[in-house]
Protein backbone atom coordinates (compact mmCIF):
# COMPACT_ATOMS: atom_id res chain seq x y z
CA MET A 1 -37.83 17.95 48.66
CA LYS A 2 -40.53 14.89 49.00
CA SER A 3 -43.72 15.22 48.65
CA LEU A 4 -46.35 15.37 50.85
CA ASN A 5 -48.70 12.25 51.69
CA LYS A 6 -50.12 14.03 54.03
CA GLN A 7 -49.99 17.98 55.58
CA VAL A 8 -50.45 18.37 59.44
CA CYS A 9 -51.82 21.41 60.83
CA MET A 10 -49.52 23.28 63.15
CA TYR A 11 -50.10 26.11 64.61
CA LEU A 12 -47.47 28.71 65.65
CA LEU A 13 -48.13 31.95 68.53
CA PHE A 14 -46.88 34.73 67.48
CA ILE A 15 -45.78 37.53 69.96
CA VAL A 16 -48.25 39.64 69.34
CA PHE A 17 -51.47 37.39 67.69
CA VAL A 18 -51.73 33.42 66.73
CA THR A 19 -52.99 32.90 63.65
CA GLY A 20 -53.10 29.13 62.28
CA CYS A 21 -51.81 27.13 59.32
CA SER A 22 -53.73 26.70 56.47
CA ILE A 23 -52.84 23.69 53.08
CA MET A 24 -51.46 25.87 50.04
CA GLY A 25 -51.42 25.76 46.65
CA GLU A 26 -48.75 26.00 44.25
CA ASP A 27 -45.76 27.91 45.91
CA PRO A 28 -45.18 31.29 44.93
CA LEU A 29 -41.63 30.55 46.28
CA PRO A 30 -40.89 26.50 46.26
CA PHE A 31 -37.19 25.92 48.74
CA ASP A 32 -34.32 25.81 46.34
CA PRO A 33 -31.10 23.65 48.08
CA ALA A 34 -29.29 26.21 45.87
CA ARG A 35 -30.37 29.31 47.57
CA ASN A 36 -31.41 27.52 50.79
CA ASN A 37 -28.07 26.53 51.82
CA ARG A 38 -27.47 28.32 55.39
CA ARG A 39 -28.38 27.34 58.37
CA ALA A 40 -28.14 28.39 61.99
CA TYR A 41 -27.50 27.87 65.13
CA ILE A 42 -30.03 28.79 68.62
CA ASN A 43 -28.21 31.08 70.45
CA ASP A 44 -25.06 31.27 68.86
CA LEU A 45 -23.35 34.59 69.20
CA ALA A 46 -20.42 34.35 66.39
CA ALA A 47 -20.44 36.62 63.53
CA ASN A 48 -21.70 34.81 60.65
CA ASP A 49 -21.87 37.39 58.28
CA SER A 50 -23.71 34.95 55.56
CA LEU A 51 -26.49 34.70 57.87
CA ASN A 52 -27.49 38.81 57.02
CA GLN A 53 -27.75 37.49 53.29
CA ALA A 54 -29.38 33.95 53.85
CA ILE A 55 -32.46 35.58 55.82
CA VAL A 56 -32.77 37.46 52.07
CA GLU A 57 -32.68 34.83 50.41
CA GLY A 58 -33.87 31.32 52.76
CA MET A 59 -32.20 29.18 55.93
CA ASN A 60 -33.44 26.86 57.59
CA PHE A 61 -32.93 26.23 60.98
CA TYR A 62 -33.82 22.94 63.43
CA ALA A 63 -37.03 23.97 65.70
CA GLN A 64 -38.51 21.42 69.14
CA PRO A 65 -41.85 21.33 69.82
CA GLY A 66 -42.85 22.98 73.46
CA CYS A 67 -39.87 25.47 72.25
CA THR A 68 -40.34 29.67 71.53
CA TYR A 69 -37.18 30.96 69.19
CA GLN A 70 -37.04 35.24 69.19
CA PHE A 71 -35.87 36.39 65.84
CA GLN A 72 -33.88 40.08 66.13
CA VAL A 73 -32.49 42.38 63.70
CA SER A 74 -30.76 44.41 64.93
CA GLY A 75 -29.22 46.73 61.94
CA TYR A 76 -31.03 48.22 58.92
CA LEU A 77 -33.86 46.51 58.12
CA HIS A 78 -35.89 47.47 54.33
CA ASN A 79 -39.45 48.82 55.79
CA ASP A 80 -40.63 46.02 53.02
CA CYS A 81 -39.09 43.58 54.07
CA LYS A 82 -40.61 40.38 55.63
CA LEU A 83 -39.81 37.48 57.48
CA HIS A 84 -41.66 34.32 56.57
CA SER A 85 -41.62 31.42 58.58
CA TYR A 86 -42.47 30.54 55.57
CA ARG A 87 -42.17 26.40 55.14
CA MET A 88 -41.91 23.68 58.32
CA PHE A 89 -40.45 19.62 56.73
CA SER A 90 -39.73 16.45 59.73
CA ALA A 91 -36.02 16.76 60.71
CA TRP A 92 -35.65 13.18 59.78
CA ASP A 93 -37.80 12.44 56.66
CA GLU A 94 -38.43 15.97 54.58
CA ARG A 95 -42.14 15.85 55.46
CA LEU A 96 -44.01 18.67 54.56
CA VAL A 97 -45.78 19.26 58.31
CA ALA A 98 -46.45 22.40 57.91
CA PRO A 99 -46.70 25.56 55.64
CA VAL A 100 -47.56 29.49 58.15
CA GLU A 101 -47.12 32.81 58.22
CA GLY A 102 -44.76 35.51 58.48
CA SER A 103 -44.49 38.41 60.57
CA TRP A 104 -43.16 42.38 60.07
CA LEU A 105 -39.55 42.62 61.80
CA LYS A 106 -38.69 45.98 62.11
CA GLU A 107 -35.23 47.47 63.42
CA GLY A 108 -34.33 46.54 66.73
CA GLU A 109 -37.43 44.34 67.87
CA GLN A 110 -39.07 40.41 68.49
CA VAL A 111 -40.62 38.65 66.97
CA SER A 112 -41.26 35.20 68.30
CA TYR A 113 -42.53 32.27 67.46
CA SER A 114 -43.33 28.92 69.47
CA LEU A 115 -43.54 25.35 68.64
CA SER A 116 -46.85 23.98 69.80
CA PRO A 117 -46.46 20.83 72.45
CA ASP A 118 -49.21 19.35 70.41
CA PHE A 119 -46.14 19.42 67.61
CA LYS A 120 -44.28 15.69 68.94
CA GLU A 121 -41.04 16.02 65.89
CA THR A 122 -38.20 18.08 65.67
CA GLY A 123 -38.46 19.98 62.81
CA LEU A 124 -36.63 22.01 59.91
CA LEU A 125 -37.85 25.79 59.26
CA TRP A 126 -37.67 27.29 56.58
CA VAL A 127 -37.51 30.90 56.93
CA ILE A 128 -36.84 33.90 54.48
CA MET A 129 -37.30 37.37 53.60
CA ARG A 130 -40.48 38.85 51.13
CA ASN A 131 -41.89 41.80 49.89
CA LYS A 132 -44.57 42.90 49.13
CA ASN A 133 -45.47 41.52 45.82
CA GLY A 134 -44.09 38.81 47.66
CA ASP A 135 -40.77 37.88 46.12
CA HIS A 136 -37.61 37.93 46.94
CA CYS A 137 -36.67 40.33 49.31
CA ASN A 138 -33.54 41.95 48.08
CA GLU A 139 -32.31 44.12 50.48
CA GLY A 140 -29.99 43.70 52.73
CA ILE A 141 -30.00 43.34 56.07
CA SER A 142 -27.44 43.43 59.33
CA ASP A 143 -27.39 41.65 62.73
CA PHE A 144 -29.22 39.47 62.40
CA SER A 145 -29.91 36.58 65.38
CA LEU A 146 -31.21 33.70 66.27
CA PHE A 147 -32.26 33.26 70.46
CA GLY A 148 -33.98 29.93 71.33
CA GLU A 149 -35.85 28.60 74.61
CA GLY A 150 -37.32 25.67 76.03
CA GLY A 151 -38.93 23.61 78.71
CA TYR A 152 -36.79 20.68 77.96
CA ALA A 153 -34.08 19.98 81.50
CA ALA A 154 -31.90 23.38 81.79
CA ASN A 155 -29.29 21.09 84.42
CA GLN A 156 -28.70 17.44 83.68
CA PHE A 157 -28.39 15.60 79.98
CA GLY A 158 -27.36 12.08 79.81
CA ILE A 159 -25.11 10.36 77.98
CA ASN A 160 -24.62 6.14 76.37
CA TYR A 161 -21.57 4.81 76.33
CA HIS A 162 -22.04 2.59 73.01
CA PHE A 163 -18.63 0.54 71.48
CA LEU A 164 -18.89 0.00 67.57
CA GLY A 165 -16.82 -3.78 67.12
CA SER A 166 -13.97 -5.26 68.50
CA PHE A 167 -10.82 -3.07 70.76
CA THR A 168 -7.51 -4.32 70.65
CA GLY A 169 -5.94 -5.61 74.27
CA PHE A 170 -9.93 -4.59 75.91
CA SER A 171 -12.54 -7.41 76.66
CA GLN A 172 -15.60 -6.56 77.77
CA ASP A 173 -15.17 -6.31 80.78
CA ASP A 174 -12.37 -4.32 80.59
CA ILE A 175 -14.51 -1.97 79.09
CA SER A 176 -17.16 -1.56 81.85
CA PRO A 177 -14.62 -0.56 84.72
CA PHE A 178 -13.01 2.00 82.17
CA THR A 179 -16.84 3.42 81.35
CA ASP A 180 -17.75 3.82 84.53
CA SER A 181 -13.82 6.10 85.04
CA LEU A 182 -14.32 7.42 81.67
CA HIS A 183 -18.31 8.57 82.15
CA ASN A 184 -17.40 9.55 86.29
CA ARG A 185 -14.56 12.29 85.08
CA ILE A 186 -16.77 13.95 82.37
CA ALA A 187 -19.42 14.42 84.50
CA LEU A 188 -17.33 15.43 86.94
CA MET A 189 -16.06 18.45 84.45
CA TYR A 190 -19.25 18.89 83.64
CA ASN A 191 -21.01 19.62 86.93
CA GLU A 192 -18.53 21.88 88.50
CA GLY A 193 -17.82 23.79 85.53
CA ALA A 194 -21.49 24.01 84.08
CA GLY A 195 -23.67 23.46 87.21
CA VAL A 196 -24.52 20.55 85.02
CA ASN A 197 -25.53 16.54 86.05
CA VAL A 198 -25.01 14.12 83.33
CA GLN A 199 -26.42 10.70 83.89
CA LYS A 200 -24.84 7.27 82.04
CA SER A 201 -26.38 4.56 80.67
CA GLY A 202 -23.79 1.91 79.26
CA PRO A 203 -21.58 0.29 77.57
CA HIS A 204 -23.67 -1.07 75.28
CA PHE A 205 -21.76 -3.04 72.31
CA SER A 206 -23.36 -3.82 68.98
CA GLY A 207 -21.98 -6.89 68.09
CA TYR A 208 -19.55 -6.32 65.28
CA ASN A 209 -16.32 -9.28 66.25
CA GLU A 210 -13.97 -6.87 64.50
CA PRO A 211 -12.35 -3.32 64.86
CA TYR A 212 -15.16 -1.13 63.27
CA THR A 213 -13.63 2.36 60.84
CA MET A 214 -15.58 5.53 60.85
CA LYS A 215 -14.95 7.73 57.56
CA PHE A 216 -15.03 11.92 58.21
CA PRO A 217 -17.33 13.77 56.95
CA TYR A 218 -20.19 10.89 57.37
CA ASP A 219 -22.60 10.44 54.81
CA PHE A 220 -24.70 8.14 56.96
CA GLU A 221 -26.48 5.83 53.58
CA ASN A 222 -25.56 2.77 56.31
CA PRO A 223 -25.43 3.42 59.33
CA PRO A 224 -24.10 0.65 61.58
CA ASN A 225 -26.49 -0.53 64.41
CA LEU A 226 -26.53 0.08 67.91
CA ASN A 227 -27.99 -2.04 70.38
CA GLY A 228 -29.58 -1.20 73.45
CA GLY A 229 -28.92 2.80 75.48
CA THR A 230 -31.23 4.92 76.93
CA SER A 231 -34.03 7.18 75.14
CA GLY A 232 -33.02 10.90 75.57
CA PHE A 233 -29.60 10.66 76.05
CA ILE A 234 -26.26 11.32 73.81
CA ASN A 235 -25.03 8.32 71.81
CA VAL A 236 -21.56 8.65 71.61
CA VAL A 237 -19.93 6.18 69.78
CA PHE A 238 -16.92 4.56 70.15
CA VAL A 239 -14.48 3.04 67.22
CA SER A 240 -11.29 1.53 66.16
CA ARG A 241 -10.24 4.17 63.30
CA ILE A 242 -11.42 6.98 62.32
CA THR A 243 -10.50 8.10 58.58
CA SER A 244 -10.77 11.17 56.63
CA GLU A 245 -10.84 11.68 52.33
CA SER A 246 -8.60 13.83 52.81
CA SER A 247 -4.80 14.08 54.33
CA GLY A 248 -4.01 15.39 56.97
CA GLY A 249 -4.31 15.72 61.28
CA ASP A 250 -4.93 12.13 63.17
CA ILE A 251 -9.10 12.47 64.35
CA LEU A 252 -9.82 12.15 67.77
CA GLY A 253 -13.84 12.77 66.84
CA PHE A 254 -16.35 14.53 65.25
CA ALA A 255 -19.90 15.81 66.52
CA PRO A 256 -22.58 17.28 65.19
CA ARG A 257 -22.45 21.61 64.87
CA GLU A 258 -25.59 21.81 66.70
CA GLY A 259 -28.05 17.98 68.57
CA LEU A 260 -30.75 18.34 66.76
CA GLY A 261 -31.99 15.41 69.12
CA MET A 262 -30.92 13.00 71.95
CA ASN A 263 -32.39 10.19 69.81
CA GLU A 264 -30.60 7.59 67.35
CA GLU A 265 -31.01 9.24 64.59
CA PRO A 266 -27.43 9.19 63.65
CA ILE A 267 -27.03 12.60 62.53
CA ASN A 268 -27.27 12.67 66.28
CA TRP A 269 -24.66 10.40 67.45
CA VAL A 270 -20.57 11.75 68.85
CA ILE A 271 -18.12 9.41 67.43
CA ILE A 272 -15.04 9.10 68.62
CA LEU A 273 -11.87 7.69 68.43
CA PHE A 274 -11.38 4.72 71.15
CA ASP A 275 -7.68 4.77 73.10
CA SER A 276 -6.69 3.30 76.05
CA ASP A 277 -5.65 6.20 77.74
CA TYR A 278 -9.07 7.69 79.66
CA THR A 279 -7.27 10.86 80.93
CA ARG A 280 -7.28 11.23 76.93
CA LEU A 281 -10.35 9.65 76.14
CA TRP A 282 -12.37 11.90 78.89
CA SER A 283 -11.19 15.47 77.48
CA THR A 284 -11.79 13.88 73.76
CA VAL A 285 -15.94 12.50 74.58
CA ALA A 286 -16.67 15.62 76.81
CA HIS A 287 -15.10 18.39 74.00
CA GLU A 288 -17.78 16.71 71.87
CA VAL A 289 -20.51 16.71 74.00
CA GLY A 290 -19.83 20.61 73.27
CA HIS A 291 -20.30 21.03 70.57
CA PHE A 292 -23.50 18.57 70.76
CA LEU A 293 -25.23 21.10 72.50
CA GLY A 294 -24.26 24.03 70.33
CA LEU A 295 -20.88 25.26 71.49
CA ARG A 296 -17.87 26.88 68.74
CA HIS A 297 -14.56 26.14 69.29
CA THR A 298 -13.37 29.17 70.76
CA VAL A 299 -10.96 29.61 68.12
CA ALA A 300 -12.41 28.49 64.47
CA THR A 301 -9.49 25.92 62.41
CA ASP A 302 -9.56 26.13 58.59
CA LEU A 303 -11.85 23.33 58.34
CA ASP A 304 -14.12 25.20 61.08
CA LEU A 305 -14.70 28.30 58.29
CA GLN A 306 -14.97 26.04 55.50
CA ASN A 307 -17.26 23.82 57.52
CA GLU A 308 -20.35 26.96 57.01
CA ASN A 309 -18.29 29.37 54.12
CA ASP A 310 -18.36 31.88 56.40
CA PHE A 311 -15.22 33.67 57.41
CA SER A 312 -16.34 35.71 59.36
CA ASN A 313 -16.76 33.27 62.60
CA LEU A 314 -13.24 33.30 63.37
CA ASP A 315 -14.28 32.66 66.84
CA ASP A 316 -17.31 31.44 69.25
CA GLY A 317 -18.30 35.42 70.29
CA PHE A 318 -18.29 34.91 73.27
CA THR A 319 -16.21 37.72 75.30
CA ASP A 320 -14.79 35.67 78.02
CA THR A 321 -12.84 33.39 76.11
CA GLU A 322 -9.40 34.28 74.41
CA TYR A 323 -9.06 34.30 70.82
CA CYS A 324 -5.55 33.47 69.51
CA ASP A 325 -4.48 33.33 65.83
CA LEU A 326 -4.03 29.50 64.30
CA ASP A 327 -2.69 30.65 61.24
CA GLY A 328 -2.58 27.84 59.94
CA GLY A 329 -4.65 24.30 58.06
CA THR A 330 -5.74 21.46 59.95
CA GLY A 331 -4.82 19.88 56.57
CA ILE A 332 -8.61 18.27 55.94
CA SER A 333 -10.92 18.95 53.70
CA ALA A 334 -14.95 18.75 53.80
CA GLU A 335 -17.84 20.10 51.07
CA PRO A 336 -19.39 22.89 52.45
CA GLY A 337 -22.88 22.11 54.73
CA THR A 338 -21.65 19.00 56.42
CA TYR A 339 -21.76 20.72 59.71
CA TRP A 340 -19.48 18.07 61.30
CA CYS A 341 -16.87 19.99 64.66
CA VAL A 342 -14.05 18.16 64.31
CA ARG A 343 -11.35 17.60 66.96
CA LEU A 344 -7.61 16.94 66.00
CA ALA A 345 -4.41 15.47 67.98
CA GLY A 346 -1.57 17.19 69.33
CA ASN A 347 -0.42 21.03 68.54
CA SER A 348 -1.24 23.18 64.59
CA LEU A 349 2.00 25.06 64.23
CA SER A 350 1.01 28.07 65.40
CA ALA A 351 -1.65 26.59 68.53
CA ILE A 352 1.56 27.49 70.50
CA ARG A 353 1.29 30.87 69.90
CA CYS A 354 -1.69 30.66 71.58
CA SER A 355 -1.21 31.06 76.00
CA ILE A 356 -2.07 28.35 78.15
CA THR A 357 -5.09 29.72 79.68
CA ALA A 358 -6.67 29.58 75.53
CA ARG A 359 -5.54 26.66 75.13
CA ARG A 360 -7.03 25.25 78.79
CA ASN A 361 -10.57 25.54 77.41
CA LEU A 362 -12.35 22.76 76.89
CA MET A 363 -13.01 24.15 73.70
CA PHE A 364 -9.96 24.92 71.64
CA PRO A 365 -9.88 22.94 68.81
CA TYR A 366 -6.62 20.99 69.07
CA GLU A 367 -5.78 17.96 72.00
CA GLN A 368 -2.89 19.26 74.81
CA PRO A 369 -1.55 16.76 75.42
CA THR A 370 0.49 18.73 78.02
CA LEU A 371 -2.81 20.42 79.64
CA ASN A 372 -5.37 19.89 81.79
CA GLN A 373 -8.86 20.92 79.19
CA ASN A 374 -11.17 21.61 81.05
CA ILE A 375 -11.88 25.06 81.25
CA LEU A 376 -14.97 26.40 80.54
CA SER A 377 -16.09 29.60 81.18
CA GLU A 378 -19.69 31.37 81.85
CA GLN A 379 -20.90 32.51 78.72
CA GLN A 380 -19.89 28.22 77.26
CA SER A 381 -21.77 27.00 81.19
CA SER A 382 -24.92 29.30 80.27
CA MET A 383 -25.20 28.87 76.78
CA ILE A 384 -24.95 24.97 77.37
CA GLN A 385 -27.93 25.65 80.07
CA THR A 386 -30.08 28.00 76.76
CA ASN A 387 -29.46 24.81 74.77
CA LEU A 388 -30.22 21.90 76.45
CA THR A 389 -33.81 23.74 77.41
CA VAL A 390 -34.09 23.85 73.67
CA ILE A 391 -32.94 20.12 73.05
CA GLN A 392 -35.51 17.31 73.58
CA HIS A 393 -33.93 14.94 76.85
């Protein structure tokens, strides 16, 4: 982590008491990327077996001002171990913004943390388990969960439509009415399927005169410039081509596994392969926006498992979405911890074994050209609304 130029004191509200932060000297348990390589997702119901070990060695999650987060352990927890909310970094430039103390977490109970609304930025919170001596807690736990809720609007969000580069056969005059039709279909689906209103901004044009190619996975070292857009909206970016370092299926789009904020940071962009068929395109945009809002694929692909390095997460954890065994590779690879969700063109070899109901769900991992993929379950819809309350917009 980068050294701290200025440390800012932040207060966290615990479930039974209030404590302040203090500037600490030498860190007895310094942040160790080799150990701390597991991220927890808010309100995620997937199996997440690796989190049980990660919380012992150190894990992270992204926290928003004015929101409350609950840690819960349903299974075994050693009495000598303590949940310790240990460091908070800026999500954007890795500044250390607050060292904070922790609280005991007992089996079947919750510990709650709230970020003061006076704290204005998204924070990366590093959480570990420590024993009485202040060392890493070597005792395992089970059934660890992280939940969050906040005060941001649960029933609305907006989309900025950005067009990066030129698109064969389409002028800017053509794209404007095309975007209107595209948005109307996306907004209708989210309104009927999740009870959420979706606002529109754009189209916005980048100024690049040539077709633009985006590489997956994206490294953000030299991001392109986006022109225009409304603050507090999700940035959906259309490109002419998406390439992968490995061979495999055609990538239709990719998005962060969980959006950190509706802002201009490239890590929060939703990347979409432009297609003149708006019926195909709206489904891909709606699918990738679903990932931004915290939804998993209903069934995990091998790329999903590889990205998270957790082979317990075979599905989304919901009881009202249908599981089926895809049993096949995507042919696309990425390093563990890249945290991108990818939508692929066409059927996998085994997707035909999945029922029509399963394949019609918006979050089924593969495009189904002969089906209208516009279904969201009640639990998916509920997660969208809850997660919107903890995403700044």
